[in-house]
PDB file of N, CA and C in Angstrom:
ATOM      1  N   MET A   1     -33.265  -5.131 -27.370  1.00  0.00           N
ATOM      2  CA  MET A   1     -32.569  -5.896 -28.363  1.00  0.00           C
ATOM      3  C   MET A   1     -31.284  -6.497 -27.818  1.00  0.00           C
ATOM      4  N   SER A   2     -31.323  -6.982 -26.617  1.00  0.00           N
ATOM      5  CA  SER A   2     -30.112  -7.584 -26.071  1.00  0.00           C
ATOM      6  C   SER A   2     -30.176  -9.093 -26.255  1.00  0.00           C
ATOM      7  N   ASN A   3     -29.095  -9.631 -26.731  1.00  0.00           N
ATOM      8  CA  ASN A   3     -28.990 -11.070 -26.944  1.00  0.00           C
ATOM      9  C   ASN A   3     -27.840 -11.576 -26.081  1.00  0.00           C
ATOM     10  N   ASP A   4     -28.172 -12.355 -25.034  1.00  0.00           N
ATOM     11  CA  ASP A   4     -27.143 -12.801 -24.092  1.00  0.00           C
ATOM     12  C   ASP A   4     -26.207 -13.842 -24.704  1.00  0.00           C
ATOM     13  N   ASN A   5     -26.740 -14.703 -25.562  1.00  0.00           N
ATOM     14  CA  ASN A   5     -25.912 -15.747 -26.163  1.00  0.00           C
ATOM     15  C   ASN A   5     -25.493 -15.317 -27.564  1.00  0.00           C
ATOM     16  N   GLN A   6     -24.353 -14.682 -27.662  1.00  0.00           N
ATOM     17  CA  GLN A   6     -23.863 -14.181 -28.944  1.00  0.00           C
ATOM     18  C   GLN A   6     -22.727 -15.062 -29.464  1.00  0.00           C
ATOM     19  N   GLY A   7     -22.963 -16.370 -29.463  1.00  0.00           N
ATOM     20  CA  GLY A   7     -21.952 -17.278 -29.966  1.00  0.00           C
ATOM     21  C   GLY A   7     -20.860 -17.561 -28.955  1.00  0.00           C
ATOM     22  N   GLY A   8     -21.037 -17.153 -27.731  1.00  0.00           N
ATOM     23  CA  GLY A   8     -20.038 -17.407 -26.702  1.00  0.00           C
ATOM     24  C   GLY A   8     -20.141 -18.828 -26.174  1.00  0.00           C
ATOM     25  N   THR A   9     -19.140 -19.220 -25.423  1.00  0.00           N
ATOM     26  CA  THR A   9     -19.163 -20.558 -24.849  1.00  0.00           C
ATOM     27  C   THR A   9     -19.958 -20.551 -23.554  1.00  0.00           C
ATOM     28  N   THR A  10     -20.596 -21.663 -23.294  1.00  0.00           N
ATOM     29  CA  THR A  10     -21.341 -21.788 -22.051  1.00  0.00           C
ATOM     30  C   THR A  10     -20.389 -22.244 -20.954  1.00  0.00           C
ATOM     31  N   THR A  11     -20.845 -22.112 -19.732  1.00  0.00           N
ATOM     32  CA  THR A  11     -20.019 -22.528 -18.594  1.00  0.00           C
ATOM     33  C   THR A  11     -19.748 -24.028 -18.650  1.00  0.00           C
ATOM     34  N   LEU A  12     -20.745 -24.807 -19.035  1.00  0.00           N
ATOM     35  CA  LEU A  12     -20.563 -26.252 -19.115  1.00  0.00           C
ATOM     36  C   LEU A  12     -19.494 -26.624 -20.135  1.00  0.00           C
ATOM     37  N   LYS A  13     -19.527 -25.986 -21.298  1.00  0.00           N
ATOM     38  CA  LYS A  13     -18.514 -26.270 -22.317  1.00  0.00           C
ATOM     39  C   LYS A  13     -17.124 -25.882 -21.832  1.00  0.00           C
ATOM     40  N   LEU A  14     -17.044 -24.783 -21.108  1.00  0.00           N
ATOM     41  CA  LEU A  14     -15.760 -24.333 -20.590  1.00  0.00           C
ATOM     42  C   LEU A  14     -15.201 -25.321 -19.570  1.00  0.00           C
ATOM     43  N   VAL A  15     -16.054 -25.794 -18.671  1.00  0.00           N
ATOM     44  CA  VAL A  15     -15.627 -26.766 -17.656  1.00  0.00           C
ATOM     45  C   VAL A  15     -15.203 -28.074 -18.318  1.00  0.00           C
ATOM     46  N   LEU A  16     -15.960 -28.528 -19.297  1.00  0.00           N
ATOM     47  CA  LEU A  16     -15.602 -29.768 -19.992  1.00  0.00           C
ATOM     48  C   LEU A  16     -14.282 -29.635 -20.744  1.00  0.00           C
ATOM     49  N   ALA A  17     -14.070 -28.492 -21.364  1.00  0.00           N
ATOM     50  CA  ALA A  17     -12.821 -28.283 -22.097  1.00  0.00           C
ATOM     51  C   ALA A  17     -11.624 -28.284 -21.147  1.00  0.00           C
ATOM     52  N   TRP A  18     -11.745 -27.575 -20.013  1.00  0.00           N
ATOM     53  CA  TRP A  18     -10.653 -27.547 -19.046  1.00  0.00           C
ATOM     54  C   TRP A  18     -10.424 -28.930 -18.444  1.00  0.00           C
ATOM     55  N   GLY A  19     -11.495 -29.658 -18.193  1.00  0.00           N
ATOM     56  CA  GLY A  19     -11.357 -31.014 -17.660  1.00  0.00           C
ATOM     57  C   GLY A  19     -10.681 -31.935 -18.653  1.00  0.00           C
ATOM     58  N   PHE A  20     -11.030 -31.791 -19.932  1.00  0.00           N
ATOM     59  CA  PHE A  20     -10.452 -32.624 -20.981  1.00  0.00           C
ATOM     60  C   PHE A  20      -8.945 -32.417 -21.082  1.00  0.00           C
ATOM     61  N   VAL A  21      -8.492 -31.215 -20.836  1.00  0.00           N
ATOM     62  CA  VAL A  21      -7.061 -30.898 -20.903  1.00  0.00           C
ATOM     63  C   VAL A  21      -6.397 -31.065 -19.537  1.00  0.00           C
ATOM     64  N   GLY A  22      -7.080 -30.617 -18.495  1.00  0.00           N
ATOM     65  CA  GLY A  22      -6.477 -30.554 -17.170  1.00  0.00           C
ATOM     66  C   GLY A  22      -6.258 -31.893 -16.502  1.00  0.00           C
ATOM     67  N   ILE A  23      -7.214 -32.823 -16.655  1.00  0.00           N
ATOM     68  CA  ILE A  23      -7.090 -34.121 -15.973  1.00  0.00           C
ATOM     69  C   ILE A  23      -5.868 -34.894 -16.471  1.00  0.00           C
ATOM     70  N   PRO A  24      -5.674 -35.063 -17.779  1.00  0.00           N
ATOM     71  CA  PRO A  24      -4.448 -35.741 -18.230  1.00  0.00           C
ATOM     72  C   PRO A  24      -3.172 -34.985 -17.856  1.00  0.00           C
ATOM     73  N   LEU A  25      -3.247 -33.662 -17.842  1.00  0.00           N
ATOM     74  CA  LEU A  25      -2.082 -32.865 -17.476  1.00  0.00           C
ATOM     75  C   LEU A  25      -1.681 -33.130 -16.034  1.00  0.00           C
ATOM     76  N   VAL A  26      -2.650 -33.102 -15.133  1.00  0.00           N
ATOM     77  CA  VAL A  26      -2.370 -33.365 -13.716  1.00  0.00           C
ATOM     78  C   VAL A  26      -1.876 -34.791 -13.536  1.00  0.00           C
ATOM     79  N   TRP A  27      -2.479 -35.736 -14.244  1.00  0.00           N
ATOM     80  CA  TRP A  27      -2.039 -37.138 -14.165  1.00  0.00           C
ATOM     81  C   TRP A  27      -0.570 -37.259 -14.593  1.00  0.00           C
ATOM     82  N   GLY A  28      -0.199 -36.612 -15.672  1.00  0.00           N
ATOM     83  CA  GLY A  28       1.177 -36.668 -16.149  1.00  0.00           C
ATOM     84  C   GLY A  28       2.158 -36.038 -15.176  1.00  0.00           C
ATOM     85  N   VAL A  29       1.784 -34.927 -14.573  1.00  0.00           N
ATOM     86  CA  VAL A  29       2.654 -34.274 -13.591  1.00  0.00           C
ATOM     87  C   VAL A  29       2.842 -35.178 -12.378  1.00  0.00           C
ATOM     88  N   LEU A  30       1.759 -35.796 -11.903  1.00  0.00           N
ATOM     89  CA  LEU A  30       1.868 -36.686 -10.745  1.00  0.00           C
ATOM     90  C   LEU A  30       2.735 -37.903 -11.056  1.00  0.00           C
ATOM     91  N   GLN A  31       2.593 -38.461 -12.251  1.00  0.00           N
ATOM     92  CA  GLN A  31       3.423 -39.607 -12.630  1.00  0.00           C
ATOM     93  C   GLN A  31       4.894 -39.207 -12.731  1.00  0.00           C
ATOM     94  N   THR A  32       5.160 -38.034 -13.266  1.00  0.00           N
ATOM     95  CA  THR A  32       6.531 -37.546 -13.374  1.00  0.00           C
ATOM     96  C   THR A  32       7.144 -37.346 -11.994  1.00  0.00           C
ATOM     97  N   LEU A  33       6.398 -36.727 -11.095  1.00  0.00           N
ATOM     98  CA  LEU A  33       6.899 -36.524  -9.733  1.00  0.00           C
ATOM     99  C   LEU A  33       7.121 -37.852  -9.025  1.00  0.00           C
ATOM    100  N   SER A  34       6.221 -38.786  -9.241  1.00  0.00           N
ATOM    101  CA  SER A  34       6.367 -40.101  -8.621  1.00  0.00           C
ATOM    102  C   SER A  34       7.640 -40.799  -9.107  1.00  0.00           C
ATOM    103  N   ASN A  35       7.890 -40.728 -10.407  1.00  0.00           N
ATOM    104  CA  ASN A  35       9.099 -41.347 -10.942  1.00  0.00           C
ATOM    105  C   ASN A  35      10.353 -40.596 -10.527  1.00  0.00           C
ATOM    106  N   ALA A  36      10.269 -39.283 -10.397  1.00  0.00           N
ATOM    107  CA  ALA A  36      11.424 -38.499  -9.974  1.00  0.00           C
ATOM    108  C   ALA A  36      11.782 -38.806  -8.529  1.00  0.00           C
ATOM    109  N   MET A  37      10.786 -39.064  -7.698  1.00  0.00           N
ATOM    110  CA  MET A  37      11.063 -39.371  -6.296  1.00  0.00           C
ATOM    111  C   MET A  37      11.843 -40.671  -6.137  1.00  0.00           C
ATOM    112  N   LYS A  38      11.679 -41.590  -7.088  1.00  0.00           N
ATOM    113  CA  LYS A  38      12.412 -42.850  -7.048  1.00  0.00           C
ATOM    114  C   LYS A  38      13.921 -42.600  -7.179  1.00  0.00           C
ATOM    115  N   LEU A  39      14.302 -41.530  -7.874  1.00  0.00           N
ATOM    116  CA  LEU A  39      15.724 -41.238  -8.057  1.00  0.00           C
ATOM    117  C   LEU A  39      16.377 -40.765  -6.769  1.00  0.00           C
ATOM    118  N   PHE A  40      15.591 -40.183  -5.853  1.00  0.00           N
ATOM    119  CA  PHE A  40      16.148 -39.602  -4.646  1.00  0.00           C
ATOM    120  C   PHE A  40      16.006 -40.485  -3.424  1.00  0.00           C
ATOM    121  N   GLN A  41      15.579 -41.707  -3.627  1.00  0.00           N
ATOM    122  CA  GLN A  41      15.465 -42.624  -2.472  1.00  0.00           C
ATOM    123  C   GLN A  41      16.656 -43.537  -2.383  1.00  0.00           C
TER     124      GLN A  41
END
C-alpha cells in the first residue's frame, strides 16, 4: 500500500518554479552590479 505520489511536487515542477524566480533574480543582480561598476570607473 505504498503510494509514491502523495501530492508532492515533481522534479520538473520544482525546476520550473526555481527557474521562474531565479532567472529574473540573477538578471537583476547582474544589472545592479553592472550599474554599480559605472560609479567606480
